[in-house]
């Protein structure tokens, strides 16, 4: 998960993210380089205008396939979007 690379690829700076979230650039940097909370990641994705899955993907150039798990047995359920 390279959040800074995703920001760069979408032409968004940490300063812009900080301004949109009304937090300091240091707080954005700490979130990007540390262990950000899910809510902080969702906020950053919203500012960039991308789905959260793209922000946290191992390889941002490869789309993440939607995946669900069966609530009863835990088996993976693959969802194909058309």
PDB file of N, CA and C in Angstrom:
ATOM      1  N   UNK A   1       0.856  -1.172   0.000  1.00  0.00           N
ATOM      2  CA  UNK A   1       0.000   0.000   0.000  1.00  0.00           C
ATOM      3  C   UNK A   1       0.900   1.233   0.000  1.00  0.00           C
ATOM      4  N   UNK A   2       0.961   1.908  -1.134  1.00  0.00           N
ATOM      5  CA  UNK A   2       1.774   3.113  -1.264  1.00  0.00           C
ATOM      6  C   UNK A   2       0.844   4.295  -1.504  1.00  0.00           C
ATOM      7  N   UNK A   3       0.336   4.848  -0.415  1.00  0.00           N
ATOM      8  CA  UNK A   3      -0.661   5.910  -0.494  1.00  0.00           C
ATOM      9  C   UNK A   3      -0.096   7.144  -1.185  1.00  0.00           C
ATOM     10  N   UNK A   4       1.154   7.461  -0.881  1.00  0.00           N
ATOM     11  CA  UNK A   4       1.752   8.651  -1.493  1.00  0.00           C
ATOM     12  C   UNK A   4       1.825   8.495  -3.011  1.00  0.00           C
ATOM     13  N   UNK A   5       2.155   7.308  -3.492  1.00  0.00           N
ATOM     14  CA  UNK A   5       2.212   7.066  -4.938  1.00  0.00           C
ATOM     15  C   UNK A   5       0.827   7.215  -5.565  1.00  0.00           C
ATOM     16  N   UNK A   6      -0.199   6.771  -4.861  1.00  0.00           N
ATOM     17  CA  UNK A   6      -1.566   6.912  -5.371  1.00  0.00           C
ATOM     18  C   UNK A   6      -1.935   8.390  -5.461  1.00  0.00           C
ATOM     19  N   UNK A   7      -1.600   9.144  -4.413  1.00  0.00           N
ATOM     20  CA  UNK A   7      -1.873  10.582  -4.432  1.00  0.00           C
ATOM     21  C   UNK A   7      -1.184  11.230  -5.629  1.00  0.00           C
ATOM     22  N   UNK A   8       0.093  10.915  -5.808  1.00  0.00           N
ATOM     23  CA  UNK A   8       0.879  11.485  -6.896  1.00  0.00           C
ATOM     24  C   UNK A   8       0.276  11.119  -8.252  1.00  0.00           C
ATOM     25  N   UNK A   9      -0.127   9.874  -8.412  1.00  0.00           N
ATOM     26  CA  UNK A   9      -0.674   9.431  -9.701  1.00  0.00           C
ATOM     27  C   UNK A   9      -1.989  10.131 -10.037  1.00  0.00           C
ATOM     28  N   UNK A  10      -2.669  10.642  -9.016  1.00  0.00           N
ATOM     29  CA  UNK A  10      -3.928  11.355  -9.237  1.00  0.00           C
ATOM     30  C   UNK A  10      -3.740  12.875  -9.168  1.00  0.00           C
ATOM     31  N   UNK A  11      -2.484  13.308  -9.084  1.00  0.00           N
ATOM     32  CA  UNK A  11      -2.196  14.729  -9.084  1.00  0.00           C
ATOM     33  C   UNK A  11      -2.636  15.461  -7.829  1.00  0.00           C
ATOM     34  N   UNK A  12      -2.657  14.750  -6.707  1.00  0.00           N
ATOM     35  CA  UNK A  12      -3.084  15.336  -5.436  1.00  0.00           C
ATOM     36  C   UNK A  12      -1.880  15.375  -4.494  1.00  0.00           C
ATOM     37  N   UNK A  13      -1.690  16.501  -3.837  1.00  0.00           N
ATOM     38  CA  UNK A  13      -0.579  16.637  -2.896  1.00  0.00           C
ATOM     39  C   UNK A  13      -1.067  16.400  -1.469  1.00  0.00           C
ATOM     40  N   UNK A  14      -0.103  16.131  -0.596  1.00  0.00           N
ATOM     41  CA  UNK A  14      -0.450  15.969   0.822  1.00  0.00           C
ATOM     42  C   UNK A  14      -1.012  17.280   1.371  1.00  0.00           C
ATOM     43  N   UNK A  15      -0.514  18.392   0.860  1.00  0.00           N
ATOM     44  CA  UNK A  15      -1.013  19.695   1.300  1.00  0.00           C
ATOM     45  C   UNK A  15      -2.500  19.839   0.955  1.00  0.00           C
ATOM     46  N   UNK A  16      -2.874  19.427  -0.252  1.00  0.00           N
ATOM     47  CA  UNK A  16      -4.280  19.499  -0.663  1.00  0.00           C
ATOM     48  C   UNK A  16      -5.152  18.599   0.216  1.00  0.00           C
ATOM     49  N   UNK A  17      -4.670  17.403   0.504  1.00  0.00           N
ATOM     50  CA  UNK A  17      -5.411  16.489   1.374  1.00  0.00           C
ATOM     51  C   UNK A  17      -5.587  17.117   2.748  1.00  0.00           C
ATOM     52  N   UNK A  18      -4.513  17.680   3.285  1.00  0.00           N
ATOM     53  CA  UNK A  18      -4.561  18.312   4.603  1.00  0.00           C
ATOM     54  C   UNK A  18      -5.581  19.447   4.630  1.00  0.00           C
ATOM     55  N   UNK A  19      -5.570  20.275   3.580  1.00  0.00           N
ATOM     56  CA  UNK A  19      -6.505  21.395   3.524  1.00  0.00           C
ATOM     57  C   UNK A  19      -7.950  20.913   3.452  1.00  0.00           C
ATOM     58  N   UNK A  20      -8.207  19.887   2.642  1.00  0.00           N
ATOM     59  CA  UNK A  20      -9.564  19.361   2.500  1.00  0.00           C
ATOM     60  C   UNK A  20     -10.069  18.717   3.790  1.00  0.00           C
ATOM     61  N   UNK A  21      -9.163  18.087   4.529  1.00  0.00           N
ATOM     62  CA  UNK A  21      -9.556  17.405   5.767  1.00  0.00           C
ATOM     63  C   UNK A  21      -9.445  18.311   6.986  1.00  0.00           C
ATOM     64  N   UNK A  22      -8.928  19.536   6.750  1.00  0.00           N
ATOM     65  CA  UNK A  22      -8.755  20.501   7.829  1.00  0.00           C
ATOM     66  C   UNK A  22      -7.855  19.943   8.943  1.00  0.00           C
ATOM     67  N   UNK A  23      -6.749  19.327   8.504  1.00  0.00           N
ATOM     68  CA  UNK A  23      -5.740  18.826   9.435  1.00  0.00           C
ATOM     69  C   UNK A  23      -4.374  19.296   8.941  1.00  0.00           C
ATOM     70  N   UNK A  24      -3.350  19.119   9.757  1.00  0.00           N
ATOM     71  CA  UNK A  24      -2.013  19.555   9.364  1.00  0.00           C
ATOM     72  C   UNK A  24      -1.400  18.579   8.363  1.00  0.00           C
ATOM     73  N   UNK A  25      -0.404  19.084   7.616  1.00  0.00           N
ATOM     74  CA  UNK A  25       0.322  18.207   6.700  1.00  0.00           C
ATOM     75  C   UNK A  25       1.040  17.107   7.479  1.00  0.00           C
ATOM     76  N   UNK A  26       1.478  17.423   8.697  1.00  0.00           N
ATOM     77  CA  UNK A  26       2.133  16.411   9.532  1.00  0.00           C
ATOM     78  C   UNK A  26       1.177  15.272   9.837  1.00  0.00           C
ATOM     79  N   UNK A  27      -0.087  15.598  10.107  1.00  0.00           N
ATOM     80  CA  UNK A  27      -1.078  14.564  10.408  1.00  0.00           C
ATOM     81  C   UNK A  27      -1.303  13.672   9.188  1.00  0.00           C
ATOM     82  N   UNK A  28      -1.330  14.269   7.998  1.00  0.00           N
ATOM     83  CA  UNK A  28      -1.479  13.484   6.771  1.00  0.00           C
ATOM     84  C   UNK A  28      -0.261  12.591   6.582  1.00  0.00           C
ATOM     85  N   UNK A  29       0.920  13.156   6.771  1.00  0.00           N
ATOM     86  CA  UNK A  29       2.152  12.393   6.620  1.00  0.00           C
ATOM     87  C   UNK A  29       2.192  11.220   7.590  1.00  0.00           C
ATOM     88  N   UNK A  30       1.794  11.458   8.838  1.00  0.00           N
ATOM     89  CA  UNK A  30       1.791  10.385   9.834  1.00  0.00           C
ATOM     90  C   UNK A  30       0.808   9.293   9.438  1.00  0.00           C
ATOM     91  N   UNK A  31      -0.355   9.693   8.914  1.00  0.00           N
ATOM     92  CA  UNK A  31      -1.347   8.705   8.490  1.00  0.00           C
ATOM     93  C   UNK A  31      -0.827   7.882   7.318  1.00  0.00           C
ATOM     94  N   UNK A  32      -0.177   8.556   6.372  1.00  0.00           N
ATOM     95  CA  UNK A  32       0.324   7.865   5.182  1.00  0.00           C
ATOM     96  C   UNK A  32       1.491   6.939   5.520  1.00  0.00           C
ATOM     97  N   UNK A  33       2.372   7.385   6.391  1.00  0.00           N
ATOM     98  CA  UNK A  33       3.575   6.611   6.708  1.00  0.00           C
ATOM     99  C   UNK A  33       3.410   5.687   7.905  1.00  0.00           C
ATOM    100  N   UNK A  34       2.330   5.860   8.637  1.00  0.00           N
ATOM    101  CA  UNK A  34       2.132   5.052   9.833  1.00  0.00           C
ATOM    102  C   UNK A  34       1.092   3.978   9.617  1.00  0.00           C
ATOM    103  N   UNK A  35       0.227   3.855  10.593  1.00  0.00           N
ATOM    104  CA  UNK A  35      -0.833   2.858  10.562  1.00  0.00           C
ATOM    105  C   UNK A  35      -2.165   3.607  10.608  1.00  0.00           C
ATOM    106  N   UNK A  36      -2.638   4.112   9.455  1.00  0.00           N
ATOM    107  CA  UNK A  36      -3.834   4.942   9.458  1.00  0.00           C
ATOM    108  C   UNK A  36      -5.090   4.153   9.803  1.00  0.00           C
ATOM    109  N   UNK A  37      -6.039   4.844  10.410  1.00  0.00           N
ATOM    110  CA  UNK A  37      -7.319   4.213  10.725  1.00  0.00           C
ATOM    111  C   UNK A  37      -8.131   4.082   9.441  1.00  0.00           C
ATOM    112  N   UNK A  38      -9.106   3.208   9.470  1.00  0.00           N
ATOM    113  CA  UNK A  38      -9.976   3.019   8.321  1.00  0.00           C
ATOM    114  C   UNK A  38     -10.701   4.315   7.986  1.00  0.00           C
ATOM    115  N   UNK A  39     -11.147   5.028   8.997  1.00  0.00           N
ATOM    116  CA  UNK A  39     -11.867   6.277   8.739  1.00  0.00           C
ATOM    117  C   UNK A  39     -10.956   7.308   8.069  1.00  0.00           C
ATOM    118  N   UNK A  40      -9.686   7.371   8.466  1.00  0.00           N
ATOM    119  CA  UNK A  40      -8.750   8.312   7.842  1.00  0.00           C
ATOM    120  C   UNK A  40      -8.500   7.915   6.389  1.00  0.00           C
ATOM    121  N   UNK A  41      -8.356   6.616   6.123  1.00  0.00           N
ATOM    122  CA  UNK A  41      -8.174   6.148   4.753  1.00  0.00           C
ATOM    123  C   UNK A  41      -9.391   6.484   3.894  1.00  0.00           C
ATOM    124  N   UNK A  42     -10.579   6.326   4.453  1.00  0.00           N
ATOM    125  CA  UNK A  42     -11.803   6.661   3.720  1.00  0.00           C
ATOM    126  C   UNK A  42     -11.844   8.149   3.401  1.00  0.00           C
ATOM    127  N   UNK A  43     -11.419   8.973   4.341  1.00  0.00           N
ATOM    128  CA  UNK A  43     -11.392  10.423   4.115  1.00  0.00           C
ATOM    129  C   UNK A  43     -10.419  10.777   2.995  1.00  0.00           C
ATOM    130  N   UNK A  44      -9.243  10.170   3.029  1.00  0.00           N
ATOM    131  CA  UNK A  44      -8.238  10.449   2.002  1.00  0.00           C
ATOM    132  C   UNK A  44      -8.750  10.004   0.635  1.00  0.00           C
ATOM    133  N   UNK A  45      -9.341   8.822   0.566  1.00  0.00           N
ATOM    134  CA  UNK A  45      -9.889   8.325  -0.704  1.00  0.00           C
ATOM    135  C   UNK A  45     -10.963   9.265  -1.230  1.00  0.00           C
ATOM    136  N   UNK A  46     -11.797   9.787  -0.348  1.00  0.00           N
ATOM    137  CA  UNK A  46     -12.861  10.715  -0.743  1.00  0.00           C
ATOM    138  C   UNK A  46     -12.262  11.988  -1.337  1.00  0.00           C
ATOM    139  N   UNK A  47     -11.219  12.511  -0.693  1.00  0.00           N
ATOM    140  CA  UNK A  47     -10.563  13.735  -1.178  1.00  0.00           C
ATOM    141  C   UNK A  47      -9.962  13.498  -2.567  1.00  0.00           C
ATOM    142  N   UNK A  48      -9.332  12.350  -2.757  1.00  0.00           N
ATOM    143  CA  UNK A  48      -8.693  12.042  -4.036  1.00  0.00           C
ATOM    144  C   UNK A  48      -9.747  11.727  -5.101  1.00  0.00           C
ATOM    145  N   UNK A  49     -10.911  11.259  -4.653  1.00  0.00           N
ATOM    146  CA  UNK A  49     -11.977  10.916  -5.596  1.00  0.00           C
ATOM    147  C   UNK A  49     -11.857   9.516  -6.152  1.00  0.00           C
ATOM    148  N   UNK A  50     -11.376   8.602  -5.302  1.00  0.00           N
ATOM    149  CA  UNK A  50     -11.191   7.216  -5.730  1.00  0.00           C
ATOM    150  C   UNK A  50     -11.828   6.293  -4.705  1.00  0.00           C
ATOM    151  N   UNK A  51     -12.105   5.045  -5.093  1.00  0.00           N
ATOM    152  CA  UNK A  51     -12.608   4.086  -4.112  1.00  0.00           C
ATOM    153  C   UNK A  51     -11.502   3.714  -3.119  1.00  0.00           C
ATOM    154  N   UNK A  52     -11.889   3.405  -1.925  1.00  0.00           N
ATOM    155  CA  UNK A  52     -10.934   3.021  -0.885  1.00  0.00           C
ATOM    156  C   UNK A  52     -10.063   1.859  -1.345  1.00  0.00           C
ATOM    157  N   UNK A  53     -10.629   0.931  -2.080  1.00  0.00           N
ATOM    158  CA  UNK A  53      -9.867  -0.238  -2.535  1.00  0.00           C
ATOM    159  C   UNK A  53      -8.667   0.162  -3.387  1.00  0.00           C
ATOM    160  N   UNK A  54      -8.799   1.225  -4.171  1.00  0.00           N
ATOM    161  CA  UNK A  54      -7.670   1.676  -4.990  1.00  0.00           C
ATOM    162  C   UNK A  54      -6.574   2.278  -4.117  1.00  0.00           C
ATOM    163  N   UNK A  55      -6.980   2.930  -3.058  1.00  0.00           N
ATOM    164  CA  UNK A  55      -6.013   3.565  -2.163  1.00  0.00           C
ATOM    165  C   UNK A  55      -5.166   2.533  -1.429  1.00  0.00           C
ATOM    166  N   UNK A  56      -5.754   1.417  -1.069  1.00  0.00           N
ATOM    167  CA  UNK A  56      -5.043   0.439  -0.246  1.00  0.00           C
ATOM    168  C   UNK A  56      -4.569  -0.790  -1.013  1.00  0.00           C
ATOM    169  N   UNK A  57      -4.758  -0.801  -2.323  1.00  0.00           N
ATOM    170  CA  UNK A  57      -4.334  -1.952  -3.130  1.00  0.00           C
ATOM    171  C   UNK A  57      -2.822  -2.109  -3.067  1.00  0.00           C
ATOM    172  N   UNK A  58      -2.354  -3.353  -3.114  1.00  0.00           N
ATOM    173  CA  UNK A  58      -0.917  -3.625  -3.132  1.00  0.00           C
ATOM    174  C   UNK A  58      -0.271  -3.036  -4.370  1.00  0.00           C
ATOM    175  N   UNK A  59      -0.950  -3.137  -5.506  1.00  0.00           N
ATOM    176  CA  UNK A  59      -0.453  -2.581  -6.763  1.00  0.00           C
ATOM    177  C   UNK A  59      -1.559  -1.696  -7.327  1.00  0.00           C
ATOM    178  N   UNK A  60      -1.451  -0.371  -7.148  1.00  0.00           N
ATOM    179  CA  UNK A  60      -2.532   0.523  -7.565  1.00  0.00           C
ATOM    180  C   UNK A  60      -2.870   0.437  -9.049  1.00  0.00           C
ATOM    181  N   UNK A  61      -1.979  -0.081  -9.875  1.00  0.00           N
ATOM    182  CA  UNK A  61      -2.283  -0.189 -11.299  1.00  0.00           C
ATOM    183  C   UNK A  61      -3.215  -1.362 -11.588  1.00  0.00           C
ATOM    184  N   UNK A  62      -3.337  -2.274 -10.649  1.00  0.00           N
ATOM    185  CA  UNK A  62      -4.215  -3.421 -10.813  1.00  0.00           C
ATOM    186  C   UNK A  62      -5.492  -3.218  -9.994  1.00  0.00           C
ATOM    187  N   UNK A  63      -6.663  -3.214 -10.648  1.00  0.00           N
ATOM    188  CA  UNK A  63      -7.906  -3.028  -9.904  1.00  0.00           C
ATOM    189  C   UNK A  63      -8.157  -4.186  -8.945  1.00  0.00           C
ATOM    190  N   UNK A  64      -8.773  -3.881  -7.847  1.00  0.00           N
ATOM    191  CA  UNK A  64      -9.103  -4.890  -6.849  1.00  0.00           C
ATOM    192  C   UNK A  64     -10.457  -5.490  -7.197  1.00  0.00           C
ATOM    193  N   UNK A  65     -10.511  -6.815  -7.252  1.00  0.00           N
ATOM    194  CA  UNK A  65     -11.771  -7.473  -7.550  1.00  0.00           C
ATOM    195  C   UNK A  65     -12.635  -7.485  -6.300  1.00  0.00           C
ATOM    196  N   UNK A  66     -13.918  -7.129  -6.441  1.00  0.00           N
ATOM    197  CA  UNK A  66     -14.810  -7.191  -5.289  1.00  0.00           C
ATOM    198  C   UNK A  66     -14.889  -8.625  -4.778  1.00  0.00           C
ATOM    199  N   UNK A  67     -14.842  -8.786  -3.489  1.00  0.00           N
ATOM    200  CA  UNK A  67     -14.864 -10.113  -2.887  1.00  0.00           C
ATOM    201  C   UNK A  67     -15.690 -10.065  -1.618  1.00  0.00           C
ATOM    202  N   UNK A  68     -16.518 -11.060  -1.451  1.00  0.00           N
ATOM    203  CA  UNK A  68     -17.313 -11.183  -0.232  1.00  0.00           C
ATOM    204  C   UNK A  68     -17.048 -12.565   0.348  1.00  0.00           C
ATOM    205  N   UNK A  69     -17.370 -12.705   1.601  1.00  0.00           N
ATOM    206  CA  UNK A  69     -17.274 -14.020   2.250  1.00  0.00           C
ATOM    207  C   UNK A  69     -18.663 -14.434   2.723  1.00  0.00           C
ATOM    208  N   UNK A  70     -18.927 -15.702   2.565  1.00  0.00           N
ATOM    209  CA  UNK A  70     -20.198 -16.244   3.033  1.00  0.00           C
ATOM    210  C   UNK A  70     -20.264 -16.099   4.550  1.00  0.00           C
ATOM    211  N   UNK A  71     -21.331 -15.512   5.080  1.00  0.00           N
ATOM    212  CA  UNK A  71     -21.423 -15.330   6.528  1.00  0.00           C
ATOM    213  C   UNK A  71     -21.586 -16.647   7.287  1.00  0.00           C
ATOM    214  N   UNK A  72     -21.923 -17.715   6.588  1.00  0.00           N
ATOM    215  CA  UNK A  72     -22.138 -19.000   7.246  1.00  0.00           C
ATOM    216  C   UNK A  72     -20.894 -19.886   7.261  1.00  0.00           C
ATOM    217  N   UNK A  73     -20.226 -20.003   6.088  1.00  0.00           N
ATOM    218  CA  UNK A  73     -19.086 -20.923   6.009  1.00  0.00           C
ATOM    219  C   UNK A  73     -17.750 -20.211   5.823  1.00  0.00           C
ATOM    220  N   UNK A  74     -17.783 -18.915   5.483  1.00  0.00           N
ATOM    221  CA  UNK A  74     -16.538 -18.171   5.295  1.00  0.00           C
ATOM    222  C   UNK A  74     -15.920 -18.330   3.923  1.00  0.00           C
ATOM    223  N   UNK A  75     -16.588 -19.081   3.031  1.00  0.00           N
ATOM    224  CA  UNK A  75     -16.049 -19.260   1.679  1.00  0.00           C
ATOM    225  C   UNK A  75     -16.070 -17.939   0.924  1.00  0.00           C
ATOM    226  N   UNK A  76     -15.098 -17.763   0.026  1.00  0.00           N
ATOM    227  CA  UNK A  76     -15.034 -16.557  -0.779  1.00  0.00           C
ATOM    228  C   UNK A  76     -16.140 -16.577  -1.833  1.00  0.00           C
ATOM    229  N   UNK A  77     -16.778 -15.429  -2.024  1.00  0.00           N
ATOM    230  CA  UNK A  77     -17.780 -15.262  -3.067  1.00  0.00           C
ATOM    231  C   UNK A  77     -17.246 -14.168  -3.979  1.00  0.00           C
ATOM    232  N   UNK A  78     -16.927 -14.545  -5.203  1.00  0.00           N
ATOM    233  CA  UNK A  78     -16.375 -13.580  -6.161  1.00  0.00           C
ATOM    234  C   UNK A  78     -17.527 -12.876  -6.866  1.00  0.00           C
ATOM    235  N   UNK A  79     -17.424 -11.561  -6.974  1.00  0.00           N
ATOM    236  CA  UNK A  79     -18.441 -10.763  -7.628  1.00  0.00           C
ATOM    237  C   UNK A  79     -17.821 -10.177  -8.887  1.00  0.00           C
ATOM    238  N   UNK A  80     -18.429 -10.431 -10.014  1.00  0.00           N
ATOM    239  CA  UNK A  80     -17.934  -9.888 -11.274  1.00  0.00           C
ATOM    240  C   UNK A  80     -18.844  -8.744 -11.699  1.00  0.00           C
ATOM    241  N   UNK A  81     -18.248  -7.588 -11.948  1.00  0.00           N
ATOM    242  CA  UNK A  81     -18.993  -6.433 -12.409  1.00  0.00           C
ATOM    243  C   UNK A  81     -18.962  -6.395 -13.918  1.00  0.00           C
ATOM    244  N   UNK A  82     -20.089  -6.145 -14.535  1.00  0.00           N
ATOM    245  CA  UNK A  82     -20.159  -6.096 -15.994  1.00  0.00           C
ATOM    246  C   UNK A  82     -20.757  -4.790 -16.422  1.00  0.00           C
TER     247      UNK A  82
END
